[in-house]
């Protein structure tokens, strides 16, 4: 268990990049554009958790874009 909810993991996958720093930068850049309060809250919570990870933890988290 990586400590992320399904919703947080899905949001992270929308911005997934090679490193946690690049992924976090994508989410951070999008924050001012998110008008929905609940979605902005989800993005901020995801960003906070992502920023707390080390590179090794990020790689071990296994974020993957889900196939339908």
C-alpha atoms as a PDB file:
ATOM      1  CA  UNK A   1       0.000   0.000   0.000  1.00  0.00           C
ATOM      2  CA  UNK A   2       1.448   3.324  -1.046  1.00  0.00           C
ATOM      3  CA  UNK A   3      -0.828   5.593   1.010  1.00  0.00           C
ATOM      4  CA  UNK A   4      -2.610   7.082  -1.995  1.00  0.00           C
ATOM      5  CA  UNK A   5      -6.332   6.731  -2.586  1.00  0.00           C
ATOM      6  CA  UNK A   6      -7.540   5.420  -5.939  1.00  0.00           C
ATOM      7  CA  UNK A   7      -8.589   8.949  -6.862  1.00  0.00           C
ATOM      8  CA  UNK A   8      -5.180  10.385  -5.944  1.00  0.00           C
ATOM      9  CA  UNK A   9      -3.388   7.652  -7.895  1.00  0.00           C
ATOM     10  CA  UNK A  10      -5.579   8.262 -10.933  1.00  0.00           C
ATOM     11  CA  UNK A  11      -4.903  11.991 -10.823  1.00  0.00           C
ATOM     12  CA  UNK A  12      -1.160  11.396 -10.476  1.00  0.00           C
ATOM     13  CA  UNK A  13      -1.294   9.113 -13.508  1.00  0.00           C
ATOM     14  CA  UNK A  14      -2.767  11.980 -15.543  1.00  0.00           C
ATOM     15  CA  UNK A  15       0.455  13.917 -14.901  1.00  0.00           C
ATOM     16  CA  UNK A  16       2.841  10.973 -14.652  1.00  0.00           C
ATOM     17  CA  UNK A  17       6.408  11.772 -15.662  1.00  0.00           C
ATOM     18  CA  UNK A  18       9.796  10.146 -15.181  1.00  0.00           C
ATOM     19  CA  UNK A  19      10.385  11.579 -11.706  1.00  0.00           C
ATOM     20  CA  UNK A  20       8.312  12.647  -8.737  1.00  0.00           C
ATOM     21  CA  UNK A  21       9.576  16.220  -9.223  1.00  0.00           C
ATOM     22  CA  UNK A  22       8.354  16.362 -12.838  1.00  0.00           C
ATOM     23  CA  UNK A  23       5.042  14.763 -11.904  1.00  0.00           C
ATOM     24  CA  UNK A  24       4.555  17.199  -9.017  1.00  0.00           C
ATOM     25  CA  UNK A  25       5.447  20.145 -11.287  1.00  0.00           C
ATOM     26  CA  UNK A  26       2.697  19.128 -13.702  1.00  0.00           C
ATOM     27  CA  UNK A  27       0.082  18.973 -10.963  1.00  0.00           C
ATOM     28  CA  UNK A  28       1.297  22.250  -9.467  1.00  0.00           C
ATOM     29  CA  UNK A  29       1.070  23.981 -12.840  1.00  0.00           C
ATOM     30  CA  UNK A  30      -2.516  22.780 -13.242  1.00  0.00           C
ATOM     31  CA  UNK A  31      -3.721  23.870  -9.777  1.00  0.00           C
ATOM     32  CA  UNK A  32      -4.560  27.487 -10.726  1.00  0.00           C
ATOM     33  CA  UNK A  33      -6.607  26.202 -13.661  1.00  0.00           C
ATOM     34  CA  UNK A  34      -8.812  23.865 -11.614  1.00  0.00           C
ATOM     35  CA  UNK A  35     -12.088  25.607 -10.838  1.00  0.00           C
ATOM     36  CA  UNK A  36     -13.881  22.806  -9.004  1.00  0.00           C
ATOM     37  CA  UNK A  37     -13.142  23.016  -5.270  1.00  0.00           C
ATOM     38  CA  UNK A  38     -13.270  19.257  -4.669  1.00  0.00           C
ATOM     39  CA  UNK A  39     -10.988  18.520  -7.604  1.00  0.00           C
ATOM     40  CA  UNK A  40      -8.560  21.252  -6.530  1.00  0.00           C
ATOM     41  CA  UNK A  41      -8.572  19.764  -3.018  1.00  0.00           C
ATOM     42  CA  UNK A  42      -7.826  16.312  -4.473  1.00  0.00           C
ATOM     43  CA  UNK A  43      -5.006  17.727  -6.577  1.00  0.00           C
ATOM     44  CA  UNK A  44      -3.473  19.555  -3.600  1.00  0.00           C
ATOM     45  CA  UNK A  45      -3.719  16.478  -1.368  1.00  0.00           C
ATOM     46  CA  UNK A  46      -2.126  14.351  -4.100  1.00  0.00           C
ATOM     47  CA  UNK A  47       0.622  16.919  -4.561  1.00  0.00           C
ATOM     48  CA  UNK A  48       1.333  17.054  -0.827  1.00  0.00           C
ATOM     49  CA  UNK A  49       1.664  13.266  -0.631  1.00  0.00           C
ATOM     50  CA  UNK A  50       3.754  13.161  -3.789  1.00  0.00           C
ATOM     51  CA  UNK A  51       6.135  15.811  -2.453  1.00  0.00           C
ATOM     52  CA  UNK A  52       6.660  13.712   0.675  1.00  0.00           C
ATOM     53  CA  UNK A  53       7.992  10.776  -1.371  1.00  0.00           C
ATOM     54  CA  UNK A  54      11.623  10.097  -2.112  1.00  0.00           C
ATOM     55  CA  UNK A  55      12.599   9.131  -5.644  1.00  0.00           C
ATOM     56  CA  UNK A  56      12.915   5.524  -4.542  1.00  0.00           C
ATOM     57  CA  UNK A  57       9.441   5.562  -2.966  1.00  0.00           C
ATOM     58  CA  UNK A  58       7.980   7.150  -6.099  1.00  0.00           C
ATOM     59  CA  UNK A  59       9.472   4.434  -8.282  1.00  0.00           C
ATOM     60  CA  UNK A  60       8.293   1.712  -5.902  1.00  0.00           C
ATOM     61  CA  UNK A  61       4.747   3.124  -5.754  1.00  0.00           C
ATOM     62  CA  UNK A  62       4.053   1.646  -9.158  1.00  0.00           C
ATOM     63  CA  UNK A  63       1.862   4.386 -10.568  1.00  0.00           C
ATOM     64  CA  UNK A  64       0.438   3.095 -13.832  1.00  0.00           C
ATOM     65  CA  UNK A  65      -2.180   4.402 -16.185  1.00  0.00           C
ATOM     66  CA  UNK A  66      -5.017   1.888 -16.081  1.00  0.00           C
ATOM     67  CA  UNK A  67      -6.057   0.166 -19.282  1.00  0.00           C
ATOM     68  CA  UNK A  68      -9.738  -0.181 -19.988  1.00  0.00           C
END
